[in-house]
PDB file of N, CA and C in Angstrom:
ATOM      1  N   UNK A   1      29.092  32.659   9.657  1.00  0.00           N
ATOM      2  CA  UNK A   1      28.021  33.738  10.305  1.00  0.00           C
ATOM      3  C   UNK A   1      27.102  32.829  10.931  1.00  0.00           C
ATOM      4  N   UNK A   2      26.560  31.715  10.114  1.00  0.00           N
ATOM      5  CA  UNK A   2      25.597  30.900  10.579  1.00  0.00           C
ATOM      6  C   UNK A   2      25.879  30.196  11.836  1.00  0.00           C
ATOM      7  N   UNK A   3      27.133  29.729  11.884  1.00  0.00           N
ATOM      8  CA  UNK A   3      27.445  28.836  13.009  1.00  0.00           C
ATOM      9  C   UNK A   3      27.440  29.763  14.225  1.00  0.00           C
ATOM     10  N   UNK A   4      28.008  31.100  14.074  1.00  0.00           N
ATOM     11  CA  UNK A   4      27.903  32.077  15.370  1.00  0.00           C
ATOM     12  C   UNK A   4      26.464  32.159  15.700  1.00  0.00           C
ATOM     13  N   UNK A   5      25.526  32.418  14.848  1.00  0.00           N
ATOM     14  CA  UNK A   5      24.159  32.420  15.228  1.00  0.00           C
ATOM     15  C   UNK A   5      23.665  31.354  15.971  1.00  0.00           C
ATOM     16  N   UNK A   6      24.005  30.108  15.472  1.00  0.00           N
ATOM     17  CA  UNK A   6      23.642  28.934  15.979  1.00  0.00           C
ATOM     18  C   UNK A   6      24.260  28.855  17.700  1.00  0.00           C
ATOM     19  N   UNK A   7      25.483  29.255  17.742  1.00  0.00           N
ATOM     20  CA  UNK A   7      26.080  29.274  19.162  1.00  0.00           C
ATOM     21  C   UNK A   7      25.466  30.175  20.018  1.00  0.00           C
ATOM     22  N   UNK A   8      25.140  31.325  19.433  1.00  0.00           N
ATOM     23  CA  UNK A   8      24.505  32.279  20.314  1.00  0.00           C
ATOM     24  C   UNK A   8      22.950  31.894  20.645  1.00  0.00           C
ATOM     25  N   UNK A   9      22.417  31.335  19.621  1.00  0.00           N
ATOM     26  CA  UNK A   9      21.067  30.783  19.849  1.00  0.00           C
ATOM     27  C   UNK A   9      21.207  29.543  21.014  1.00  0.00           C
ATOM     28  N   UNK A  10      22.136  28.720  20.819  1.00  0.00           N
ATOM     29  CA  UNK A  10      22.292  27.758  21.999  1.00  0.00           C
ATOM     30  C   UNK A  10      22.625  28.437  23.332  1.00  0.00           C
ATOM     31  N   UNK A  11      23.468  29.297  23.541  1.00  0.00           N
ATOM     32  CA  UNK A  11      23.676  30.052  24.642  1.00  0.00           C
ATOM     33  C   UNK A  11      22.376  30.716  25.341  1.00  0.00           C
ATOM     34  N   UNK A  12      21.519  31.403  24.534  1.00  0.00           N
ATOM     35  CA  UNK A  12      20.426  31.887  24.934  1.00  0.00           C
ATOM     36  C   UNK A  12      19.442  30.867  25.415  1.00  0.00           C
ATOM     37  N   UNK A  13      19.183  29.815  24.654  1.00  0.00           N
ATOM     38  CA  UNK A  13      18.160  28.962  25.028  1.00  0.00           C
ATOM     39  C   UNK A  13      18.791  28.149  26.345  1.00  0.00           C
ATOM     40  N   UNK A  14      20.123  27.859  26.504  1.00  0.00           N
ATOM     41  CA  UNK A  14      20.573  27.266  27.747  1.00  0.00           C
ATOM     42  C   UNK A  14      20.373  28.212  29.031  1.00  0.00           C
ATOM     43  N   UNK A  15      20.372  29.450  28.665  1.00  0.00           N
ATOM     44  CA  UNK A  15      20.125  30.272  29.866  1.00  0.00           C
ATOM     45  C   UNK A  15      18.636  30.338  30.272  1.00  0.00           C
ATOM     46  N   UNK A  16      17.798  30.147  29.357  1.00  0.00           N
ATOM     47  CA  UNK A  16      16.381  30.024  29.584  1.00  0.00           C
ATOM     48  C   UNK A  16      16.002  28.623  29.960  1.00  0.00           C
ATOM     49  N   UNK A  17      16.672  27.817  29.745  1.00  0.00           N
ATOM     50  CA  UNK A  17      16.323  26.241  30.266  1.00  0.00           C
ATOM     51  C   UNK A  17      16.346  26.068  31.630  1.00  0.00           C
ATOM     52  N   UNK A  18      17.129  26.757  32.189  1.00  0.00           N
ATOM     53  CA  UNK A  18      17.344  26.607  33.715  1.00  0.00           C
ATOM     54  C   UNK A  18      15.882  26.905  34.321  1.00  0.00           C
ATOM     55  N   UNK A  19      15.010  27.503  33.631  1.00  0.00           N
ATOM     56  CA  UNK A  19      13.599  27.867  34.148  1.00  0.00           C
ATOM     57  C   UNK A  19      12.852  26.662  33.975  1.00  0.00           C
ATOM     58  N   UNK A  20      13.071  25.736  33.244  1.00  0.00           N
ATOM     59  CA  UNK A  20      12.185  24.719  32.872  1.00  0.00           C
ATOM     60  C   UNK A  20      12.530  23.422  33.871  1.00  0.00           C
ATOM     61  N   UNK A  21      11.384  22.942  34.211  1.00  0.00           N
ATOM     62  CA  UNK A  21      11.573  21.522  35.111  1.00  0.00           C
ATOM     63  C   UNK A  21      12.387  20.457  34.312  1.00  0.00           C
ATOM     64  N   UNK A  22      13.261  19.964  35.330  1.00  0.00           N
ATOM     65  CA  UNK A  22      14.160  18.747  34.729  1.00  0.00           C
ATOM     66  C   UNK A  22      13.307  17.783  34.077  1.00  0.00           C
ATOM     67  N   UNK A  23      13.930  17.502  32.878  1.00  0.00           N
ATOM     68  CA  UNK A  23      13.415  16.450  32.057  1.00  0.00           C
ATOM     69  C   UNK A  23      14.394  15.274  31.883  1.00  0.00           C
ATOM     70  N   UNK A  24      13.867  14.257  31.332  1.00  0.00           N
ATOM     71  CA  UNK A  24      14.667  13.148  31.014  1.00  0.00           C
ATOM     72  C   UNK A  24      14.536  12.912  29.515  1.00  0.00           C
ATOM     73  N   UNK A  25      15.517  13.144  28.686  1.00  0.00           N
ATOM     74  CA  UNK A  25      16.909  13.959  29.150  1.00  0.00           C
ATOM     75  C   UNK A  25      16.811  15.300  29.255  1.00  0.00           C
ATOM     76  N   UNK A  26      17.946  15.679  29.974  1.00  0.00           N
ATOM     77  CA  UNK A  26      18.114  17.008  30.502  1.00  0.00           C
ATOM     78  C   UNK A  26      17.708  18.102  29.332  1.00  0.00           C
ATOM     79  N   UNK A  27      17.012  19.082  29.601  1.00  0.00           N
ATOM     80  CA  UNK A  27      16.493  20.108  28.888  1.00  0.00           C
ATOM     81  C   UNK A  27      17.865  20.614  27.998  1.00  0.00           C
ATOM     82  N   UNK A  28      18.999  20.782  28.571  1.00  0.00           N
ATOM     83  CA  UNK A  28      20.102  21.216  27.787  1.00  0.00           C
ATOM     84  C   UNK A  28      20.474  20.459  26.747  1.00  0.00           C
ATOM     85  N   UNK A  29      20.305  19.020  26.883  1.00  0.00           N
ATOM     86  CA  UNK A  29      20.615  18.015  25.754  1.00  0.00           C
ATOM     87  C   UNK A  29      19.780  18.208  24.509  1.00  0.00           C
ATOM     88  N   UNK A  30      18.377  18.462  25.289  1.00  0.00           N
ATOM     89  CA  UNK A  30      17.302  18.639  23.958  1.00  0.00           C
ATOM     90  C   UNK A  30      17.554  19.763  23.188  1.00  0.00           C
ATOM     91  N   UNK A  31      18.002  20.978  23.842  1.00  0.00           N
ATOM     92  CA  UNK A  31      18.274  22.184  23.158  1.00  0.00           C
ATOM     93  C   UNK A  31      19.520  21.897  22.157  1.00  0.00           C
ATOM     94  N   UNK A  32      20.460  21.359  22.621  1.00  0.00           N
ATOM     95  CA  UNK A  32      21.693  20.985  21.615  1.00  0.00           C
ATOM     96  C   UNK A  32      21.256  20.265  20.543  1.00  0.00           C
ATOM     97  N   UNK A  33      20.653  19.306  20.750  1.00  0.00           N
ATOM     98  CA  UNK A  33      20.088  18.350  19.661  1.00  0.00           C
ATOM     99  C   UNK A  33      19.170  18.869  18.688  1.00  0.00           C
ATOM    100  N   UNK A  34      18.311  19.919  19.041  1.00  0.00           N
ATOM    101  CA  UNK A  34      17.273  20.332  18.276  1.00  0.00           C
ATOM    102  C   UNK A  34      17.829  21.756  17.559  1.00  0.00           C
ATOM    103  N   UNK A  35      18.906  22.463  18.047  1.00  0.00           N
ATOM    104  CA  UNK A  35      19.266  23.590  17.517  1.00  0.00           C
ATOM    105  C   UNK A  35      19.463  23.564  16.181  1.00  0.00           C
ATOM    106  N   UNK A  36      20.196  22.669  15.452  1.00  0.00           N
ATOM    107  CA  UNK A  36      20.484  22.559  14.153  1.00  0.00           C
ATOM    108  C   UNK A  36      18.980  22.467  13.284  1.00  0.00           C
ATOM    109  N   UNK A  37      17.913  22.311  13.827  1.00  0.00           N
ATOM    110  CA  UNK A  37      16.691  22.283  13.327  1.00  0.00           C
ATOM    111  C   UNK A  37      15.961  23.570  13.177  1.00  0.00           C
ATOM    112  N   UNK A  38      16.587  24.485  13.915  1.00  0.00           N
ATOM    113  CA  UNK A  38      15.886  25.842  13.971  1.00  0.00           C
ATOM    114  C   UNK A  38      15.511  26.385  12.687  1.00  0.00           C
ATOM    115  N   UNK A  39      16.414  26.369  11.597  1.00  0.00           N
ATOM    116  CA  UNK A  39      16.337  26.960  10.420  1.00  0.00           C
ATOM    117  C   UNK A  39      15.009  26.136   9.628  1.00  0.00           C
ATOM    118  N   UNK A  40      14.952  24.879   9.980  1.00  0.00           N
ATOM    119  CA  UNK A  40      13.918  24.260   9.279  1.00  0.00           C
ATOM    120  C   UNK A  40      12.628  24.525   9.899  1.00  0.00           C
ATOM    121  N   UNK A  41      12.345  24.753  11.292  1.00  0.00           N
ATOM    122  CA  UNK A  41      11.154  25.008  11.728  1.00  0.00           C
ATOM    123  C   UNK A  41      10.696  26.378  11.503  1.00  0.00           C
ATOM    124  N   UNK A  42      11.681  27.216  11.001  1.00  0.00           N
ATOM    125  CA  UNK A  42      11.460  28.636  10.748  1.00  0.00           C
ATOM    126  C   UNK A  42      11.284  28.754   9.263  1.00  0.00           C
ATOM    127  N   UNK A  43      11.054  27.647   8.544  1.00  0.00           N
ATOM    128  CA  UNK A  43      10.718  27.754   6.945  1.00  0.00           C
ATOM    129  C   UNK A  43      11.719  27.323   6.037  1.00  0.00           C
ATOM    130  N   UNK A  44      12.906  26.807   6.426  1.00  0.00           N
ATOM    131  CA  UNK A  44      13.854  26.222   5.293  1.00  0.00           C
ATOM    132  C   UNK A  44      13.138  25.051   4.800  1.00  0.00           C
ATOM    133  N   UNK A  45      13.318  24.666   3.554  1.00  0.00           N
ATOM    134  CA  UNK A  45      12.597  23.479   3.055  1.00  0.00           C
ATOM    135  C   UNK A  45      13.094  22.254   3.427  1.00  0.00           C
ATOM    136  N   UNK A  46      14.184  22.041   3.711  1.00  0.00           N
ATOM    137  CA  UNK A  46      14.763  20.737   4.110  1.00  0.00           C
ATOM    138  C   UNK A  46      15.548  20.875   5.434  1.00  0.00           C
ATOM    139  N   UNK A  47      15.469  19.695   6.364  1.00  0.00           N
ATOM    140  CA  UNK A  47      16.366  20.048   7.640  1.00  0.00           C
ATOM    141  C   UNK A  47      17.865  19.513   7.264  1.00  0.00           C
ATOM    142  N   UNK A  48      18.568  20.393   7.948  1.00  0.00           N
ATOM    143  CA  UNK A  48      20.113  20.246   7.750  1.00  0.00           C
ATOM    144  C   UNK A  48      20.504  18.823   8.349  1.00  0.00           C
ATOM    145  N   UNK A  49      21.597  18.267   7.794  1.00  0.00           N
ATOM    146  CA  UNK A  49      21.952  17.095   8.219  1.00  0.00           C
ATOM    147  C   UNK A  49      22.082  16.890   9.921  1.00  0.00           C
ATOM    148  N   UNK A  50      22.661  18.032  10.496  1.00  0.00           N
ATOM    149  CA  UNK A  50      22.832  18.132  11.834  1.00  0.00           C
ATOM    150  C   UNK A  50      21.620  17.962  12.547  1.00  0.00           C
ATOM    151  N   UNK A  51      20.442  18.468  11.845  1.00  0.00           N
ATOM    152  CA  UNK A  51      19.102  18.398  12.516  1.00  0.00           C
ATOM    153  C   UNK A  51      18.663  16.948  12.538  1.00  0.00           C
ATOM    154  N   UNK A  52      18.984  16.147  11.440  1.00  0.00           N
ATOM    155  CA  UNK A  52      18.391  14.815  11.509  1.00  0.00           C
ATOM    156  C   UNK A  52      19.203  13.936  12.569  1.00  0.00           C
ATOM    157  N   UNK A  53      20.724  14.212  12.496  1.00  0.00           N
ATOM    158  CA  UNK A  53      21.403  13.497  13.560  1.00  0.00           C
ATOM    159  C   UNK A  53      20.917  13.607  14.979  1.00  0.00           C
ATOM    160  N   UNK A  54      20.586  14.969  15.325  1.00  0.00           N
ATOM    161  CA  UNK A  54      20.319  15.491  16.580  1.00  0.00           C
ATOM    162  C   UNK A  54      18.961  14.871  16.923  1.00  0.00           C
ATOM    163  N   UNK A  55      18.046  15.037  15.908  1.00  0.00           N
ATOM    164  CA  UNK A  55      16.509  14.481  16.065  1.00  0.00           C
ATOM    165  C   UNK A  55      16.610  13.067  16.374  1.00  0.00           C
ATOM    166  N   UNK A  56      17.385  12.284  15.665  1.00  0.00           N
ATOM    167  CA  UNK A  56      17.605  10.694  15.723  1.00  0.00           C
ATOM    168  C   UNK A  56      18.008  10.394  17.170  1.00  0.00           C
ATOM    169  N   UNK A  57      19.050  11.203  17.644  1.00  0.00           N
ATOM    170  CA  UNK A  57      19.654  10.897  19.017  1.00  0.00           C
ATOM    171  C   UNK A  57      18.602  11.204  20.096  1.00  0.00           C
ATOM    172  N   UNK A  58      17.858  12.299  19.860  1.00  0.00           N
ATOM    173  CA  UNK A  58      16.786  12.595  20.773  1.00  0.00           C
ATOM    174  C   UNK A  58      15.688  11.514  20.767  1.00  0.00           C
ATOM    175  N   UNK A  59      15.453  11.023  19.575  1.00  0.00           N
ATOM    176  CA  UNK A  59      14.249  10.006  19.495  1.00  0.00           C
ATOM    177  C   UNK A  59      14.685   8.642  20.312  1.00  0.00           C
ATOM    178  N   UNK A  60      16.056   8.375  20.321  1.00  0.00           N
ATOM    179  CA  UNK A  60      16.591   7.247  20.863  1.00  0.00           C
ATOM    180  C   UNK A  60      16.439   7.474  22.347  1.00  0.00           C
ATOM    181  N   UNK A  61      16.430   8.613  22.879  1.00  0.00           N
ATOM    182  CA  UNK A  61      16.296   8.958  24.335  1.00  0.00           C
ATOM    183  C   UNK A  61      14.773   9.156  24.840  1.00  0.00           C
ATOM    184  N   UNK A  62      14.003   9.023  23.934  1.00  0.00           N
ATOM    185  CA  UNK A  62      12.408   9.293  24.181  1.00  0.00           C
ATOM    186  C   UNK A  62      11.741   7.877  24.479  1.00  0.00           C
ATOM    187  N   UNK A  63      12.279   7.089  25.418  1.00  0.00           N
ATOM    188  CA  UNK A  63      11.860   5.703  25.423  1.00  0.00           C
ATOM    189  C   UNK A  63      10.453   5.677  26.109  1.00  0.00           C
ATOM    190  N   UNK A  64      10.313   6.528  27.162  1.00  0.00           N
ATOM    191  CA  UNK A  64       9.096   6.437  28.041  1.00  0.00           C
ATOM    192  C   UNK A  64       8.191   7.598  27.708  1.00  0.00           C
ATOM    193  N   UNK A  65       6.950   7.476  28.163  1.00  0.00           N
ATOM    194  CA  UNK A  65       6.040   8.523  27.964  1.00  0.00           C
ATOM    195  C   UNK A  65       6.527   9.787  28.595  1.00  0.00           C
ATOM    196  N   UNK A  66       7.072   9.482  30.003  1.00  0.00           N
ATOM    197  CA  UNK A  66       7.665  10.608  30.844  1.00  0.00           C
ATOM    198  C   UNK A  66       8.983  11.205  29.947  1.00  0.00           C
ATOM    199  N   UNK A  67       9.649  10.476  29.211  1.00  0.00           N
ATOM    200  CA  UNK A  67      10.885  11.081  28.579  1.00  0.00           C
ATOM    201  C   UNK A  67      10.335  12.012  27.530  1.00  0.00           C
ATOM    202  N   UNK A  68       9.200  11.582  26.794  1.00  0.00           N
ATOM    203  CA  UNK A  68       8.592  12.433  25.747  1.00  0.00           C
ATOM    204  C   UNK A  68       8.047  13.778  26.213  1.00  0.00           C
ATOM    205  N   UNK A  69       7.496  13.406  27.328  1.00  0.00           N
ATOM    206  CA  UNK A  69       6.748  14.703  28.109  1.00  0.00           C
ATOM    207  C   UNK A  69       7.668  15.722  28.438  1.00  0.00           C
ATOM    208  N   UNK A  70       8.865  15.193  28.982  1.00  0.00           N
ATOM    209  CA  UNK A  70       9.923  16.177  29.269  1.00  0.00           C
ATOM    210  C   UNK A  70      10.522  16.922  28.255  1.00  0.00           C
ATOM    211  N   UNK A  71      10.776  16.172  27.102  1.00  0.00           N
ATOM    212  CA  UNK A  71      11.185  16.609  25.702  1.00  0.00           C
ATOM    213  C   UNK A  71      10.286  17.800  25.359  1.00  0.00           C
ATOM    214  N   UNK A  72       8.932  17.516  25.502  1.00  0.00           N
ATOM    215  CA  UNK A  72       7.828  18.398  24.959  1.00  0.00           C
ATOM    216  C   UNK A  72       7.965  19.560  25.903  1.00  0.00           C
ATOM    217  N   UNK A  73       7.840  19.497  27.249  1.00  0.00           N
ATOM    218  CA  UNK A  73       7.886  20.549  28.166  1.00  0.00           C
ATOM    219  C   UNK A  73       9.065  21.506  27.909  1.00  0.00           C
ATOM    220  N   UNK A  74      10.213  20.919  27.863  1.00  0.00           N
ATOM    221  CA  UNK A  74      11.401  21.728  27.502  1.00  0.00           C
ATOM    222  C   UNK A  74      11.336  22.538  26.179  1.00  0.00           C
ATOM    223  N   UNK A  75      11.056  21.925  25.152  1.00  0.00           N
ATOM    224  CA  UNK A  75      10.786  22.765  23.975  1.00  0.00           C
ATOM    225  C   UNK A  75       9.714  23.652  23.924  1.00  0.00           C
ATOM    226  N   UNK A  76       8.710  23.351  24.622  1.00  0.00           N
ATOM    227  CA  UNK A  76       7.358  24.174  24.806  1.00  0.00           C
ATOM    228  C   UNK A  76       7.938  25.484  25.628  1.00  0.00           C
ATOM    229  N   UNK A  77       8.775  25.337  26.475  1.00  0.00           N
ATOM    230  CA  UNK A  77       9.176  26.408  27.187  1.00  0.00           C
ATOM    231  C   UNK A  77      10.296  27.304  26.701  1.00  0.00           C
ATOM    232  N   UNK A  78      11.194  26.794  25.789  1.00  0.00           N
ATOM    233  CA  UNK A  78      12.246  27.518  25.318  1.00  0.00           C
ATOM    234  C   UNK A  78      11.932  28.038  23.693  1.00  0.00           C
ATOM    235  N   UNK A  79      11.164  27.392  22.923  1.00  0.00           N
ATOM    236  CA  UNK A  79      10.968  27.749  21.567  1.00  0.00           C
ATOM    237  C   UNK A  79      10.283  29.156  21.493  1.00  0.00           C
ATOM    238  N   UNK A  80       9.263  29.638  22.281  1.00  0.00           N
ATOM    239  CA  UNK A  80       8.906  30.946  22.129  1.00  0.00           C
ATOM    240  C   UNK A  80       9.805  31.905  22.217  1.00  0.00           C
ATOM    241  N   UNK A  81      11.228  31.745  22.769  1.00  0.00           N
ATOM    242  CA  UNK A  81      12.202  32.584  23.051  1.00  0.00           C
ATOM    243  C   UNK A  81      13.042  32.720  21.695  1.00  0.00           C
ATOM    244  N   UNK A  82      12.893  31.881  20.624  1.00  0.00           N
ATOM    245  CA  UNK A  82      13.563  31.907  19.394  1.00  0.00           C
ATOM    246  C   UNK A  82      13.181  32.725  18.337  1.00  0.00           C
ATOM    247  N   UNK A  83      11.905  33.286  18.650  1.00  0.00           N
ATOM    248  CA  UNK A  83      11.190  34.151  17.601  1.00  0.00           C
ATOM    249  C   UNK A  83      10.228  33.318  16.878  1.00  0.00           C
ATOM    250  N   UNK A  84       9.469  33.782  15.755  1.00  0.00           N
ATOM    251  CA  UNK A  84       8.470  33.129  15.085  1.00  0.00           C
ATOM    252  C   UNK A  84       9.139  31.713  14.475  1.00  0.00           C
ATOM    253  N   UNK A  85       8.189  30.783  14.590  1.00  0.00           N
ATOM    254  CA  UNK A  85       8.395  29.389  13.865  1.00  0.00           C
ATOM    255  C   UNK A  85       7.141  28.820  13.675  1.00  0.00           C
ATOM    256  N   UNK A  86       7.244  27.800  12.832  1.00  0.00           N
ATOM    257  CA  UNK A  86       5.928  27.115  12.563  1.00  0.00           C
ATOM    258  C   UNK A  86       5.868  25.835  13.164  1.00  0.00           C
ATOM    259  N   UNK A  87       5.236  25.522  14.314  1.00  0.00           N
ATOM    260  CA  UNK A  87       4.930  24.340  15.066  1.00  0.00           C
ATOM    261  C   UNK A  87       4.584  23.238  14.302  1.00  0.00           C
ATOM    262  N   UNK A  88       3.847  23.456  13.114  1.00  0.00           N
ATOM    263  CA  UNK A  88       3.513  22.209  12.325  1.00  0.00           C
ATOM    264  C   UNK A  88       4.686  21.717  11.496  1.00  0.00           C
ATOM    265  N   UNK A  89       5.804  22.264  11.645  1.00  0.00           N
ATOM    266  CA  UNK A  89       7.042  21.538  10.918  1.00  0.00           C
ATOM    267  C   UNK A  89       7.789  20.404  11.867  1.00  0.00           C
ATOM    268  N   UNK A  90       7.311  20.476  13.156  1.00  0.00           N
ATOM    269  CA  UNK A  90       7.981  19.478  13.852  1.00  0.00           C
ATOM    270  C   UNK A  90       7.662  18.134  13.440  1.00  0.00           C
ATOM    271  N   UNK A  91       6.416  17.622  13.039  1.00  0.00           N
ATOM    272  CA  UNK A  91       6.302  16.423  12.780  1.00  0.00           C
ATOM    273  C   UNK A  91       7.118  16.060  11.241  1.00  0.00           C
ATOM    274  N   UNK A  92       7.164  17.192  10.489  1.00  0.00           N
ATOM    275  CA  UNK A  92       8.061  17.004   9.299  1.00  0.00           C
ATOM    276  C   UNK A  92       9.491  16.393   9.474  1.00  0.00           C
ATOM    277  N   UNK A  93       9.998  16.805  10.764  1.00  0.00           N
ATOM    278  CA  UNK A  93      11.487  16.546  10.977  1.00  0.00           C
ATOM    279  C   UNK A  93      11.433  14.758  10.990  1.00  0.00           C
ATOM    280  N   UNK A  94      10.561  14.229  11.630  1.00  0.00           N
ATOM    281  CA  UNK A  94      10.609  12.839  11.720  1.00  0.00           C
ATOM    282  C   UNK A  94      10.336  12.225  10.283  1.00  0.00           C
ATOM    283  N   UNK A  95       9.518  12.821   9.461  1.00  0.00           N
ATOM    284  CA  UNK A  95       9.191  12.319   8.179  1.00  0.00           C
ATOM    285  C   UNK A  95      10.364  12.306   7.366  1.00  0.00           C
ATOM    286  N   UNK A  96      11.113  13.609   7.453  1.00  0.00           N
ATOM    287  CA  UNK A  96      12.240  13.906   6.427  1.00  0.00           C
ATOM    288  C   UNK A  96      13.423  13.345   6.809  1.00  0.00           C
ATOM    289  N   UNK A  97      13.582  12.915   8.139  1.00  0.00           N
ATOM    290  CA  UNK A  97      14.785  12.460   8.763  1.00  0.00           C
ATOM    291  C   UNK A  97      14.705  10.863   8.884  1.00  0.00           C
ATOM    292  N   UNK A  98      13.553  10.233   8.441  1.00  0.00           N
ATOM    293  CA  UNK A  98      13.385   8.791   8.629  1.00  0.00           C
ATOM    294  C   UNK A  98      13.428   8.393  10.180  1.00  0.00           C
ATOM    295  N   UNK A  99      12.498   9.256  10.919  1.00  0.00           N
ATOM    296  CA  UNK A  99      12.516   8.770  12.360  1.00  0.00           C
ATOM    297  C   UNK A  99      11.137   8.192  12.526  1.00  0.00           C
ATOM    298  N   UNK A 100      11.162   7.087  13.296  1.00  0.00           N
ATOM    299  CA  UNK A 100       9.850   6.495  13.524  1.00  0.00           C
ATOM    300  C   UNK A 100       8.978   6.913  14.750  1.00  0.00           C
ATOM    301  N   UNK A 101       9.646   7.763  15.604  1.00  0.00           N
ATOM    302  CA  UNK A 101       9.070   8.584  16.810  1.00  0.00           C
ATOM    303  C   UNK A 101       8.172   9.721  16.177  1.00  0.00           C
ATOM    304  N   UNK A 102       7.104   9.776  16.929  1.00  0.00           N
ATOM    305  CA  UNK A 102       6.205  10.746  16.374  1.00  0.00           C
ATOM    306  C   UNK A 102       6.521  11.955  17.147  1.00  0.00           C
ATOM    307  N   UNK A 103       6.697  13.065  16.391  1.00  0.00           N
ATOM    308  CA  UNK A 103       7.000  14.444  17.022  1.00  0.00           C
ATOM    309  C   UNK A 103       5.771  15.252  16.781  1.00  0.00           C
ATOM    310  N   UNK A 104       4.998  15.645  17.809  1.00  0.00           N
ATOM    311  CA  UNK A 104       3.958  16.489  17.785  1.00  0.00           C
ATOM    312  C   UNK A 104       4.349  17.964  17.243  1.00  0.00           C
ATOM    313  N   UNK A 105       3.176  18.569  16.884  1.00  0.00           N
ATOM    314  CA  UNK A 105       3.609  19.966  16.688  1.00  0.00           C
ATOM    315  C   UNK A 105       3.634  20.863  18.147  1.00  0.00           C
ATOM    316  N   UNK A 106       4.649  21.480  18.342  1.00  0.00           N
ATOM    317  CA  UNK A 106       5.156  21.939  19.658  1.00  0.00           C
ATOM    318  C   UNK A 106       4.803  23.496  19.816  1.00  0.00           C
ATOM    319  N   UNK A 107       3.796  23.859  20.465  1.00  0.00           N
ATOM    320  CA  UNK A 107       3.575  25.380  20.632  1.00  0.00           C
ATOM    321  C   UNK A 107       3.289  25.605  22.182  1.00  0.00           C
ATOM    322  N   UNK A 108       3.037  26.959  22.362  1.00  0.00           N
ATOM    323  CA  UNK A 108       2.702  27.349  23.724  1.00  0.00           C
ATOM    324  C   UNK A 108       1.402  26.756  24.318  1.00  0.00           C
ATOM    325  N   UNK A 109       0.637  26.359  23.310  1.00  0.00           N
ATOM    326  CA  UNK A 109      -0.432  25.650  23.775  1.00  0.00           C
ATOM    327  C   UNK A 109      -0.537  24.104  23.691  1.00  0.00           C
ATOM    328  N   UNK A 110       0.529  23.398  23.281  1.00  0.00           N
ATOM    329  CA  UNK A 110       0.768  22.060  23.358  1.00  0.00           C
ATOM    330  C   UNK A 110       0.217  21.216  24.699  1.00  0.00           C
ATOM    331  N   UNK A 111      -0.299  20.440  24.881  1.00  0.00           N
ATOM    332  CA  UNK A 111      -0.634  19.572  26.044  1.00  0.00           C
ATOM    333  C   UNK A 111       0.257  18.561  26.009  1.00  0.00           C
ATOM    334  N   UNK A 112       1.579  18.615  26.694  1.00  0.00           N
ATOM    335  CA  UNK A 112       2.552  17.805  26.852  1.00  0.00           C
ATOM    336  C   UNK A 112       2.171  16.394  27.346  1.00  0.00           C
ATOM    337  N   UNK A 113       1.108  16.361  28.074  1.00  0.00           N
ATOM    338  CA  UNK A 113       0.677  15.114  28.890  1.00  0.00           C
ATOM    339  C   UNK A 113       0.220  13.998  27.725  1.00  0.00           C
ATOM    340  N   UNK A 114      -0.241  14.703  26.585  1.00  0.00           N
ATOM    341  CA  UNK A 114      -0.779  13.825  25.554  1.00  0.00           C
ATOM    342  C   UNK A 114       0.177  13.244  24.418  1.00  0.00           C
ATOM    343  N   UNK A 115       1.529  13.380  24.740  1.00  0.00           N
ATOM    344  CA  UNK A 115       2.528  12.975  23.820  1.00  0.00           C
ATOM    345  C   UNK A 115       3.008  11.755  24.219  1.00  0.00           C
TER     346      UNK A 115
END
């Protein structure tokens, strides 16, 4: 059942991601990478292994400021569509998954030019 919910979530997010400006990496890749983290940003105590592997892969693609801004803008655009979540849990993904890339709290008011 959980996998079905994840698949449906991915489909919904991919539908809405077409409204988001092109990013490097593409917004669809960002969404697929971060989908396993949804339960964590919604309150689960620990990120799933798939969350850590997706976040690590995404961190490897966040080489430049423009890459990080694109990832931020993508998430800023699609996350409000998943329902309530805690933006302050994003930095915890890096901490709990051993990622050196800083992940800022991402919400509707995040200024992605500052990432």
